[in-house]
Amino acid sequence: MRGPLVYCLEDKDLPPDVAVESVRIDRDAKWAARHETHLLRGVTVLETHARVVAQAKDATALYPRLPALKPGTILLRLIPYYAWCNRGVSQMTVWLPVM
């Protein structure tokens, strides 16, 4: 949240091989607010660096085995929740796990 606005992570802002559920933020992440005039007719986005953890091969299993890979790092961009799904059908989350 930033003021009265709720922000979300939309899969449109992730690299093609990264799923929403594999993104983690650092507990001490440094956030930056930036206004993007060309995005959705102008919105303020929140950005930070995030980690990408490997997904289980069988995500539907009750106790999936996670690959032993080190997390990679990506630049994460959150958009206001009200702007979700304005760039086509997508997945999103307002809750991000913390590492």
PDB file of N, CA and C in Angstrom:
ATOM      1  N   MET A   1       0.847  -1.181   0.000  1.00  0.00           N
ATOM      2  CA  MET A   1       0.000   0.000   0.000  1.00  0.00           C
ATOM      3  C   MET A   1       0.885   1.233   0.000  1.00  0.00           C
ATOM      4  N   ARG A   2       0.386   2.247  -0.622  1.00  0.00           N
ATOM      5  CA  ARG A   2       1.033   3.558  -0.607  1.00  0.00           C
ATOM      6  C   ARG A   2      -0.092   4.568  -0.444  1.00  0.00           C
ATOM      7  N   GLY A   3      -0.167   5.178   0.742  1.00  0.00           N
ATOM      8  CA  GLY A   3      -1.301   6.051   1.020  1.00  0.00           C
ATOM      9  C   GLY A   3      -2.572   5.225   0.978  1.00  0.00           C
ATOM     10  N   PRO A   4      -3.617   5.718   0.313  1.00  0.00           N
ATOM     11  CA  PRO A   4      -4.866   4.959   0.254  1.00  0.00           C
ATOM     12  C   PRO A   4      -4.893   3.916  -0.859  1.00  0.00           C
ATOM     13  N   LEU A   5      -3.838   3.832  -1.679  1.00  0.00           N
ATOM     14  CA  LEU A   5      -3.845   2.906  -2.816  1.00  0.00           C
ATOM     15  C   LEU A   5      -3.229   1.553  -2.469  1.00  0.00           C
ATOM     16  N   VAL A   6      -3.870   0.512  -2.946  1.00  0.00           N
ATOM     17  CA  VAL A   6      -3.336  -0.843  -2.857  1.00  0.00           C
ATOM     18  C   VAL A   6      -2.632  -1.125  -4.180  1.00  0.00           C
ATOM     19  N   TYR A   7      -1.457  -1.724  -4.096  1.00  0.00           N
ATOM     20  CA  TYR A   7      -0.682  -2.060  -5.298  1.00  0.00           C
ATOM     21  C   TYR A   7      -0.661  -3.559  -5.493  1.00  0.00           C
ATOM     22  N   CYS A   8      -0.432  -3.985  -6.741  1.00  0.00           N
ATOM     23  CA  CYS A   8      -0.388  -5.408  -7.037  1.00  0.00           C
ATOM     24  C   CYS A   8       0.719  -5.713  -8.040  1.00  0.00           C
ATOM     25  N   LEU A   9       1.123  -6.956  -8.027  1.00  0.00           N
ATOM     26  CA  LEU A   9       2.080  -7.466  -8.997  1.00  0.00           C
ATOM     27  C   LEU A   9       1.283  -8.164 -10.078  1.00  0.00           C
ATOM     28  N   GLU A  10       1.448  -7.716 -11.304  1.00  0.00           N
ATOM     29  CA  GLU A  10       0.759  -8.310 -12.446  1.00  0.00           C
ATOM     30  C   GLU A  10       1.793  -9.047 -13.291  1.00  0.00           C
ATOM     31  N   ASP A  11       1.434 -10.223 -13.804  1.00  0.00           N
ATOM     32  CA  ASP A  11       2.415 -11.009 -14.558  1.00  0.00           C
ATOM     33  C   ASP A  11       2.894 -10.317 -15.833  1.00  0.00           C
ATOM     34  N   LYS A  12       2.198  -9.317 -16.288  1.00  0.00           N
ATOM     35  CA  LYS A  12       2.628  -8.541 -17.470  1.00  0.00           C
ATOM     36  C   LYS A  12       3.943  -7.809 -17.192  1.00  0.00           C
ATOM     37  N   ASP A  13       4.270  -7.577 -15.932  1.00  0.00           N
ATOM     38  CA  ASP A  13       5.482  -6.851 -15.553  1.00  0.00           C
ATOM     39  C   ASP A  13       6.627  -7.782 -15.149  1.00  0.00           C
ATOM     40  N   LEU A  14       6.470  -9.070 -15.417  1.00  0.00           N
ATOM     41  CA  LEU A  14       7.509 -10.045 -15.098  1.00  0.00           C
ATOM     42  C   LEU A  14       8.150 -10.583 -16.377  1.00  0.00           C
ATOM     43  N   PRO A  15       9.383 -11.068 -16.283  1.00  0.00           N
ATOM     44  CA  PRO A  15       9.981 -11.746 -17.442  1.00  0.00           C
ATOM     45  C   PRO A  15       9.098 -12.932 -17.845  1.00  0.00           C
ATOM     46  N   PRO A  16       9.137 -13.332 -19.109  1.00  0.00           N
ATOM     47  CA  PRO A  16       8.234 -14.389 -19.588  1.00  0.00           C
ATOM     48  C   PRO A  16       8.335 -15.718 -18.849  1.00  0.00           C
ATOM     49  N   ASP A  17       9.481 -16.060 -18.313  1.00  0.00           N
ATOM     50  CA  ASP A  17       9.662 -17.356 -17.654  1.00  0.00           C
ATOM     51  C   ASP A  17       9.471 -17.303 -16.139  1.00  0.00           C
ATOM     52  N   VAL A  18       8.962 -16.190 -15.615  1.00  0.00           N
ATOM     53  CA  VAL A  18       8.779 -16.034 -14.167  1.00  0.00           C
ATOM     54  C   VAL A  18       7.287 -15.997 -13.839  1.00  0.00           C
ATOM     55  N   ALA A  19       6.870 -16.852 -12.909  1.00  0.00           N
ATOM     56  CA  ALA A  19       5.475 -16.897 -12.471  1.00  0.00           C
ATOM     57  C   ALA A  19       5.284 -15.992 -11.258  1.00  0.00           C
ATOM     58  N   VAL A  20       4.100 -15.454 -11.123  1.00  0.00           N
ATOM     59  CA  VAL A  20       3.776 -14.561 -10.003  1.00  0.00           C
ATOM     60  C   VAL A  20       4.086 -15.228  -8.668  1.00  0.00           C
ATOM     61  N   GLU A  21       3.751 -16.504  -8.546  1.00  0.00           N
ATOM     62  CA  GLU A  21       3.930 -17.192  -7.266  1.00  0.00           C
ATOM     63  C   GLU A  21       5.382 -17.516  -6.930  1.00  0.00           C
ATOM     64  N   SER A  22       6.309 -17.271  -7.837  1.00  0.00           N
ATOM     65  CA  SER A  22       7.719 -17.547  -7.553  1.00  0.00           C
ATOM     66  C   SER A  22       8.491 -16.297  -7.128  1.00  0.00           C
ATOM     67  N   VAL A  23       7.817 -15.162  -6.994  1.00  0.00           N
ATOM     68  CA  VAL A  23       8.471 -13.899  -6.638  1.00  0.00           C
ATOM     69  C   VAL A  23       8.460 -13.703  -5.127  1.00  0.00           C
ATOM     70  N   ARG A  24       9.606 -13.309  -4.591  1.00  0.00           N
ATOM     71  CA  ARG A  24       9.753 -13.025  -3.158  1.00  0.00           C
ATOM     72  C   ARG A  24      10.423 -11.667  -2.997  1.00  0.00           C
ATOM     73  N   ILE A  25      10.030 -10.923  -1.972  1.00  0.00           N
ATOM     74  CA  ILE A  25      10.694  -9.646  -1.712  1.00  0.00           C
ATOM     75  C   ILE A  25      11.547  -9.775  -0.456  1.00  0.00           C
ATOM     76  N   ASP A  26      12.627  -9.022  -0.428  1.00  0.00           N
ATOM     77  CA  ASP A  26      13.488  -9.003   0.752  1.00  0.00           C
ATOM     78  C   ASP A  26      12.811  -8.219   1.864  1.00  0.00           C
ATOM     79  N   ARG A  27      13.033  -8.645   3.067  1.00  0.00           N
ATOM     80  CA  ARG A  27      12.451  -7.980   4.234  1.00  0.00           C
ATOM     81  C   ARG A  27      12.856  -6.505   4.305  1.00  0.00           C
ATOM     82  N   ASP A  28      14.073  -6.192   3.881  1.00  0.00           N
ATOM     83  CA  ASP A  28      14.559  -4.807   3.923  1.00  0.00           C
ATOM     84  C   ASP A  28      14.605  -4.162   2.534  1.00  0.00           C
ATOM     85  N   ALA A  29      13.684  -4.534   1.671  1.00  0.00           N
ATOM     86  CA  ALA A  29      13.640  -3.991   0.309  1.00  0.00           C
ATOM     87  C   ALA A  29      13.496  -2.472   0.327  1.00  0.00           C
ATOM     88  N   LYS A  30      14.201  -1.807  -0.555  1.00  0.00           N
ATOM     89  CA  LYS A  30      14.111  -0.352  -0.721  1.00  0.00           C
ATOM     90  C   LYS A  30      13.182  -0.068  -1.904  1.00  0.00           C
ATOM     91  N   TRP A  31      12.090   0.601  -1.642  1.00  0.00           N
ATOM     92  CA  TRP A  31      11.077   0.877  -2.663  1.00  0.00           C
ATOM     93  C   TRP A  31      11.256   2.268  -3.243  1.00  0.00           C
ATOM     94  N   ALA A  32      10.966   2.411  -4.520  1.00  0.00           N
ATOM     95  CA  ALA A  32      10.999   3.706  -5.191  1.00  0.00           C
ATOM     96  C   ALA A  32       9.666   3.905  -5.912  1.00  0.00           C
ATOM     97  N   ALA A  33       9.064   5.081  -5.744  1.00  0.00           N
ATOM     98  CA  ALA A  33       7.829   5.427  -6.458  1.00  0.00           C
ATOM     99  C   ALA A  33       8.219   6.236  -7.686  1.00  0.00           C
ATOM    100  N   ARG A  34       7.636   5.861  -8.832  1.00  0.00           N
ATOM    101  CA  ARG A  34       7.955   6.562 -10.075  1.00  0.00           C
ATOM    102  C   ARG A  34       6.686   6.684 -10.911  1.00  0.00           C
ATOM    103  N   HIS A  35       6.439   7.897 -11.414  1.00  0.00           N
ATOM    104  CA  HIS A  35       5.266   8.116 -12.259  1.00  0.00           C
ATOM    105  C   HIS A  35       5.619   7.773 -13.703  1.00  0.00           C
ATOM    106  N   GLU A  36       4.833   6.907 -14.306  1.00  0.00           N
ATOM    107  CA  GLU A  36       5.034   6.515 -15.703  1.00  0.00           C
ATOM    108  C   GLU A  36       3.874   7.054 -16.532  1.00  0.00           C
ATOM    109  N   THR A  37       4.152   8.072 -17.311  1.00  0.00           N
ATOM    110  CA  THR A  37       3.101   8.707 -18.101  1.00  0.00           C
ATOM    111  C   THR A  37       2.630   7.837 -19.260  1.00  0.00           C
ATOM    112  N   HIS A  38       3.491   6.973 -19.779  1.00  0.00           N
ATOM    113  CA  HIS A  38       3.128   6.143 -20.929  1.00  0.00           C
ATOM    114  C   HIS A  38       2.398   4.852 -20.541  1.00  0.00           C
ATOM    115  N   LEU A  39       2.361   4.504 -19.278  1.00  0.00           N
ATOM    116  CA  LEU A  39       1.719   3.272 -18.829  1.00  0.00           C
ATOM    117  C   LEU A  39       0.297   3.558 -18.371  1.00  0.00           C
ATOM    118  N   LEU A  40      -0.662   2.934 -19.025  1.00  0.00           N
ATOM    119  CA  LEU A  40      -2.074   3.039 -18.631  1.00  0.00           C
ATOM    120  C   LEU A  40      -2.544   4.481 -18.474  1.00  0.00           C
ATOM    121  N   ARG A  41      -2.108   5.329 -19.368  1.00  0.00           N
ATOM    122  CA  ARG A  41      -2.461   6.765 -19.376  1.00  0.00           C
ATOM    123  C   ARG A  41      -1.939   7.523 -18.171  1.00  0.00           C
ATOM    124  N   GLY A  42      -0.914   6.969 -17.545  1.00  0.00           N
ATOM    125  CA  GLY A  42      -0.262   7.647 -16.430  1.00  0.00           C
ATOM    126  C   GLY A  42      -0.612   7.072 -15.074  1.00  0.00           C
ATOM    127  N   VAL A  43       0.327   6.347 -14.483  1.00  0.00           N
ATOM    128  CA  VAL A  43       0.145   5.813 -13.128  1.00  0.00           C
ATOM    129  C   VAL A  43       1.480   5.895 -12.398  1.00  0.00           C
ATOM    130  N   THR A  44       1.407   5.921 -11.084  1.00  0.00           N
ATOM    131  CA  THR A  44       2.610   5.851 -10.268  1.00  0.00           C
ATOM    132  C   THR A  44       2.826   4.391  -9.911  1.00  0.00           C
ATOM    133  N   VAL A  45       4.014   3.891 -10.218  1.00  0.00           N
ATOM    134  CA  VAL A  45       4.362   2.499  -9.924  1.00  0.00           C
ATOM    135  C   VAL A  45       5.344   2.460  -8.768  1.00  0.00           C
ATOM    136  N   LEU A  46       5.427   1.320  -8.127  1.00  0.00           N
ATOM    137  CA  LEU A  46       6.411   1.083  -7.073  1.00  0.00           C
ATOM    138  C   LEU A  46       7.412   0.061  -7.594  1.00  0.00           C
ATOM    139  N   GLU A  47       8.704   0.317  -7.379  1.00  0.00           N
ATOM    140  CA  GLU A  47       9.739  -0.582  -7.880  1.00  0.00           C
ATOM    141  C   GLU A  47      10.729  -0.954  -6.785  1.00  0.00           C
ATOM    142  N   THR A  48      11.235  -2.162  -6.880  1.00  0.00           N
ATOM    143  CA  THR A  48      12.281  -2.664  -6.004  1.00  0.00           C
ATOM    144  C   THR A  48      12.898  -3.874  -6.679  1.00  0.00           C
ATOM    145  N   HIS A  49      13.930  -4.398  -6.086  1.00  0.00           N
ATOM    146  CA  HIS A  49      14.493  -5.643  -6.571  1.00  0.00           C
ATOM    147  C   HIS A  49      13.851  -6.777  -5.788  1.00  0.00           C
ATOM    148  N   ALA A  50      13.593  -7.883  -6.478  1.00  0.00           N
ATOM    149  CA  ALA A  50      12.962  -9.044  -5.857  1.00  0.00           C
ATOM    150  C   ALA A  50      13.724 -10.299  -6.247  1.00  0.00           C
ATOM    151  N   ARG A  51      13.414 -11.353  -5.552  1.00  0.00           N
ATOM    152  CA  ARG A  51      14.055 -12.636  -5.846  1.00  0.00           C
ATOM    153  C   ARG A  51      13.052 -13.582  -6.486  1.00  0.00           C
ATOM    154  N   VAL A  52      13.561 -14.427  -7.348  1.00  0.00           N
ATOM    155  CA  VAL A  52      12.742 -15.439  -8.005  1.00  0.00           C
ATOM    156  C   VAL A  52      13.213 -16.801  -7.512  1.00  0.00           C
ATOM    157  N   VAL A  53      12.312 -17.543  -6.922  1.00  0.00           N
ATOM    158  CA  VAL A  53      12.656 -18.875  -6.433  1.00  0.00           C
ATOM    159  C   VAL A  53      12.160 -19.911  -7.438  1.00  0.00           C
ATOM    160  N   ALA A  54      12.825 -21.039  -7.464  1.00  0.00           N
ATOM    161  CA  ALA A  54      12.449 -22.114  -8.381  1.00  0.00           C
ATOM    162  C   ALA A  54      11.101 -22.699  -7.966  1.00  0.00           C
ATOM    163  N   GLN A  55      10.318 -23.043  -8.952  1.00  0.00           N
ATOM    164  CA  GLN A  55       9.025 -23.666  -8.692  1.00  0.00           C
ATOM    165  C   GLN A  55       9.157 -25.178  -8.680  1.00  0.00           C
ATOM    166  N   ALA A  56       8.288 -25.824  -7.933  1.00  0.00           N
ATOM    167  CA  ALA A  56       8.266 -27.282  -7.898  1.00  0.00           C
ATOM    168  C   ALA A  56       7.842 -27.815  -9.255  1.00  0.00           C
ATOM    169  N   LYS A  57       8.367 -28.973  -9.616  1.00  0.00           N
ATOM    170  CA  LYS A  57       8.001 -29.576 -10.899  1.00  0.00           C
ATOM    171  C   LYS A  57       6.534 -29.982 -10.920  1.00  0.00           C
ATOM    172  N   ASP A  58       6.018 -30.409  -9.772  1.00  0.00           N
ATOM    173  CA  ASP A  58       4.614 -30.777  -9.676  1.00  0.00           C
ATOM    174  C   ASP A  58       3.962 -29.875  -8.632  1.00  0.00           C
ATOM    175  N   ALA A  59       3.541 -28.709  -9.074  1.00  0.00           N
ATOM    176  CA  ALA A  59       2.986 -27.720  -8.151  1.00  0.00           C
ATOM    177  C   ALA A  59       1.655 -28.157  -7.549  1.00  0.00           C
ATOM    178  N   THR A  60       1.025 -29.193  -8.103  1.00  0.00           N
ATOM    179  CA  THR A  60      -0.260 -29.649  -7.573  1.00  0.00           C
ATOM    180  C   THR A  60      -0.093 -30.666  -6.456  1.00  0.00           C
ATOM    181  N   ALA A  61       1.121 -31.146  -6.221  1.00  0.00           N
ATOM    182  CA  ALA A  61       1.361 -32.133  -5.159  1.00  0.00           C
ATOM    183  C   ALA A  61       1.158 -31.495  -3.791  1.00  0.00           C
ATOM    184  N   LEU A  62       0.741 -32.295  -2.830  1.00  0.00           N
ATOM    185  CA  LEU A  62       0.519 -31.786  -1.479  1.00  0.00           C
ATOM    186  C   LEU A  62       1.820 -31.288  -0.862  1.00  0.00           C
ATOM    187  N   TYR A  63       2.908 -32.030  -1.030  1.00  0.00           N
ATOM    188  CA  TYR A  63       4.225 -31.649  -0.525  1.00  0.00           C
ATOM    189  C   TYR A  63       5.221 -31.666  -1.682  1.00  0.00           C
ATOM    190  N   PRO A  64       5.198 -30.637  -2.524  1.00  0.00           N
ATOM    191  CA  PRO A  64       6.087 -30.647  -3.694  1.00  0.00           C
ATOM    192  C   PRO A  64       7.547 -30.476  -3.292  1.00  0.00           C
ATOM    193  N   ARG A  65       8.438 -31.131  -4.020  1.00  0.00           N
ATOM    194  CA  ARG A  65       9.874 -30.986  -3.792  1.00  0.00           C
ATOM    195  C   ARG A  65      10.358 -29.776  -4.578  1.00  0.00           C
ATOM    196  N   LEU A  66      11.019 -28.856  -3.881  1.00  0.00           N
ATOM    197  CA  LEU A  66      11.548 -27.669  -4.533  1.00  0.00           C
ATOM    198  C   LEU A  66      12.974 -27.929  -4.987  1.00  0.00           C
ATOM    199  N   PRO A  67      13.316 -27.490  -6.200  1.00  0.00           N
ATOM    200  CA  PRO A  67      14.687 -27.641  -6.664  1.00  0.00           C
ATOM    201  C   PRO A  67      15.639 -26.831  -5.786  1.00  0.00           C
ATOM    202  N   ALA A  68      16.852 -27.324  -5.616  1.00  0.00           N
ATOM    203  CA  ALA A  68      17.852 -26.647  -4.775  1.00  0.00           C
ATOM    204  C   ALA A  68      18.621 -25.638  -5.621  1.00  0.00           C
ATOM    205  N   LEU A  69      17.981 -24.576  -6.012  1.00  0.00           N
ATOM    206  CA  LEU A  69      18.614 -23.527  -6.807  1.00  0.00           C
ATOM    207  C   LEU A  69      18.659 -22.242  -5.996  1.00  0.00           C
ATOM    208  N   LYS A  70      19.693 -21.444  -6.229  1.00  0.00           N
ATOM    209  CA  LYS A  70      19.757 -20.142  -5.579  1.00  0.00           C
ATOM    210  C   LYS A  70      18.768 -19.201  -6.267  1.00  0.00           C
ATOM    211  N   PRO A  71      18.116 -18.340  -5.505  1.00  0.00           N
ATOM    212  CA  PRO A  71      17.158 -17.416  -6.118  1.00  0.00           C
ATOM    213  C   PRO A  71      17.855 -16.409  -7.029  1.00  0.00           C
ATOM    214  N   GLY A  72      17.227 -16.105  -8.153  1.00  0.00           N
ATOM    215  CA  GLY A  72      17.715 -15.066  -9.047  1.00  0.00           C
ATOM    216  C   GLY A  72      17.112 -13.734  -8.637  1.00  0.00           C
ATOM    217  N   THR A  73      17.595 -12.644  -9.235  1.00  0.00           N
ATOM    218  CA  THR A  73      17.101 -11.306  -8.895  1.00  0.00           C
ATOM    219  C   THR A  73      16.503 -10.640 -10.128  1.00  0.00           C
ATOM    220  N   ILE A  74      15.369  -9.966  -9.926  1.00  0.00           N
ATOM    221  CA  ILE A  74      14.716  -9.207 -10.996  1.00  0.00           C
ATOM    222  C   ILE A  74      14.314  -7.842 -10.463  1.00  0.00           C
ATOM    223  N   LEU A  75      14.068  -6.908 -11.371  1.00  0.00           N
ATOM    224  CA  LEU A  75      13.482  -5.624 -11.001  1.00  0.00           C
ATOM    225  C   LEU A  75      11.977  -5.821 -10.964  1.00  0.00           C
ATOM    226  N   LEU A  76      11.375  -5.500  -9.849  1.00  0.00           N
ATOM    227  CA  LEU A  76       9.950  -5.726  -9.635  1.00  0.00           C
ATOM    228  C   LEU A  76       9.201  -4.414  -9.758  1.00  0.00           C
ATOM    229  N   ARG A  77       8.096  -4.433 -10.487  1.00  0.00           N
ATOM    230  CA  ARG A  77       7.259  -3.238 -10.636  1.00  0.00           C
ATOM    231  C   ARG A  77       5.835  -3.589 -10.236  1.00  0.00           C
ATOM    232  N   LEU A  78       5.287  -2.820  -9.286  1.00  0.00           N
ATOM    233  CA  LEU A  78       3.903  -2.980  -8.863  1.00  0.00           C
ATOM    234  C   LEU A  78       3.080  -1.831  -9.414  1.00  0.00           C
ATOM    235  N   ILE A  79       1.860  -2.142  -9.817  1.00  0.00           N
ATOM    236  CA  ILE A  79       0.952  -1.121 -10.337  1.00  0.00           C
ATOM    237  C   ILE A  79      -0.224  -0.973  -9.373  1.00  0.00           C
ATOM    238  N   PRO A  80      -0.948   0.150  -9.431  1.00  0.00           N
ATOM    239  CA  PRO A  80      -2.132   0.285  -8.577  1.00  0.00           C
ATOM    240  C   PRO A  80      -3.138  -0.827  -8.892  1.00  0.00           C
ATOM    241  N   TYR A  81      -3.756  -1.362  -7.855  1.00  0.00           N
ATOM    242  CA  TYR A  81      -4.704  -2.457  -8.016  1.00  0.00           C
ATOM    243  C   TYR A  81      -5.824  -2.098  -8.987  1.00  0.00           C
ATOM    244  N   TYR A  82      -6.285  -0.867  -8.963  1.00  0.00           N
ATOM    245  CA  TYR A  82      -7.387  -0.474  -9.851  1.00  0.00           C
ATOM    246  C   TYR A  82      -7.019  -0.602 -11.329  1.00  0.00           C
ATOM    247  N   ALA A  83      -5.725  -0.627 -11.643  1.00  0.00           N
ATOM    248  CA  ALA A  83      -5.274  -0.709 -13.039  1.00  0.00           C
ATOM    249  C   ALA A  83      -5.051  -2.144 -13.500  1.00  0.00           C
ATOM    250  N   TRP A  84      -5.264  -3.101 -12.615  1.00  0.00           N
ATOM    251  CA  TRP A  84      -5.063  -4.500 -12.965  1.00  0.00           C
ATOM    252  C   TRP A  84      -5.977  -4.918 -14.109  1.00  0.00           C
ATOM    253  N   CYS A  85      -5.452  -5.739 -15.011  1.00  0.00           N
ATOM    254  CA  CYS A  85      -6.185  -6.346 -16.123  1.00  0.00           C
ATOM    255  C   CYS A  85      -6.555  -5.332 -17.203  1.00  0.00           C
ATOM    256  N   ASN A  86      -5.888  -4.202 -17.243  1.00  0.00           N
ATOM    257  CA  ASN A  86      -6.115  -3.218 -18.300  1.00  0.00           C
ATOM    258  C   ASN A  86      -5.170  -3.416 -19.483  1.00  0.00           C
ATOM    259  N   ARG A  87      -4.306  -4.420 -19.406  1.00  0.00           N
ATOM    260  CA  ARG A  87      -3.393  -4.732 -20.511  1.00  0.00           C
ATOM    261  C   ARG A  87      -3.638  -6.142 -21.026  1.00  0.00           C
ATOM    262  N   GLY A  88      -4.831  -6.635 -20.840  1.00  0.00           N
ATOM    263  CA  GLY A  88      -5.183  -7.993 -21.237  1.00  0.00           C
ATOM    264  C   GLY A  88      -5.320  -8.889 -20.024  1.00  0.00           C
ATOM    265  N   VAL A  89      -5.786 -10.099 -20.244  1.00  0.00           N
ATOM    266  CA  VAL A  89      -5.981 -11.062 -19.166  1.00  0.00           C
ATOM    267  C   VAL A  89      -4.628 -11.383 -18.542  1.00  0.00           C
ATOM    268  N   SER A  90      -4.604 -11.411 -17.218  1.00  0.00           N
ATOM    269  CA  SER A  90      -3.329 -11.656 -16.536  1.00  0.00           C
ATOM    270  C   SER A  90      -3.569 -12.220 -15.144  1.00  0.00           C
ATOM    271  N   GLN A  91      -2.488 -12.721 -14.552  1.00  0.00           N
ATOM    272  CA  GLN A  91      -2.517 -13.139 -13.159  1.00  0.00           C
ATOM    273  C   GLN A  91      -1.939 -12.009 -12.327  1.00  0.00           C
ATOM    274  N   MET A  92      -2.378 -11.910 -11.093  1.00  0.00           N
ATOM    275  CA  MET A  92      -1.835 -10.877 -10.212  1.00  0.00           C
ATOM    276  C   MET A  92      -1.937 -11.323  -8.781  1.00  0.00           C
ATOM    277  N   THR A  93      -1.227 -10.600  -7.927  1.00  0.00           N
ATOM    278  CA  THR A  93      -1.316 -10.817  -6.486  1.00  0.00           C
ATOM    279  C   THR A  93      -1.083  -9.491  -5.767  1.00  0.00           C
ATOM    280  N   VAL A  94      -1.731  -9.338  -4.635  1.00  0.00           N
ATOM    281  CA  VAL A  94      -1.460  -8.185  -3.776  1.00  0.00           C
ATOM    282  C   VAL A  94      -0.612  -8.607  -2.592  1.00  0.00           C
ATOM    283  N   TRP A  95      -0.429  -9.924  -2.399  1.00  0.00           N
ATOM    284  CA  TRP A  95       0.369 -10.463  -1.307  1.00  0.00           C
ATOM    285  C   TRP A  95       1.645 -11.061  -1.871  1.00  0.00           C
ATOM    286  N   LEU A  96       2.785 -10.630  -1.351  1.00  0.00           N
ATOM    287  CA  LEU A  96       4.082 -11.154  -1.797  1.00  0.00           C
ATOM    288  C   LEU A  96       4.820 -11.738  -0.596  1.00  0.00           C
ATOM    289  N   PRO A  97       5.277 -12.975  -0.724  1.00  0.00           N
ATOM    290  CA  PRO A  97       6.059 -13.577   0.371  1.00  0.00           C
ATOM    291  C   PRO A  97       7.361 -12.802   0.602  1.00  0.00           C
ATOM    292  N   VAL A  98       7.795 -12.768   1.849  1.00  0.00           N
ATOM    293  CA  VAL A  98       9.006 -12.064   2.238  1.00  0.00           C
ATOM    294  C   VAL A  98      10.092 -13.090   2.522  1.00  0.00           C
ATOM    295  N   MET A  99      11.334 -12.773   2.123  1.00  0.00           N
ATOM    296  CA  MET A  99      12.475 -13.657   2.404  1.00  0.00           C
ATOM    297  C   MET A  99      13.282 -13.064   3.538  1.00  0.00           C
TER     298      MET A  99
END
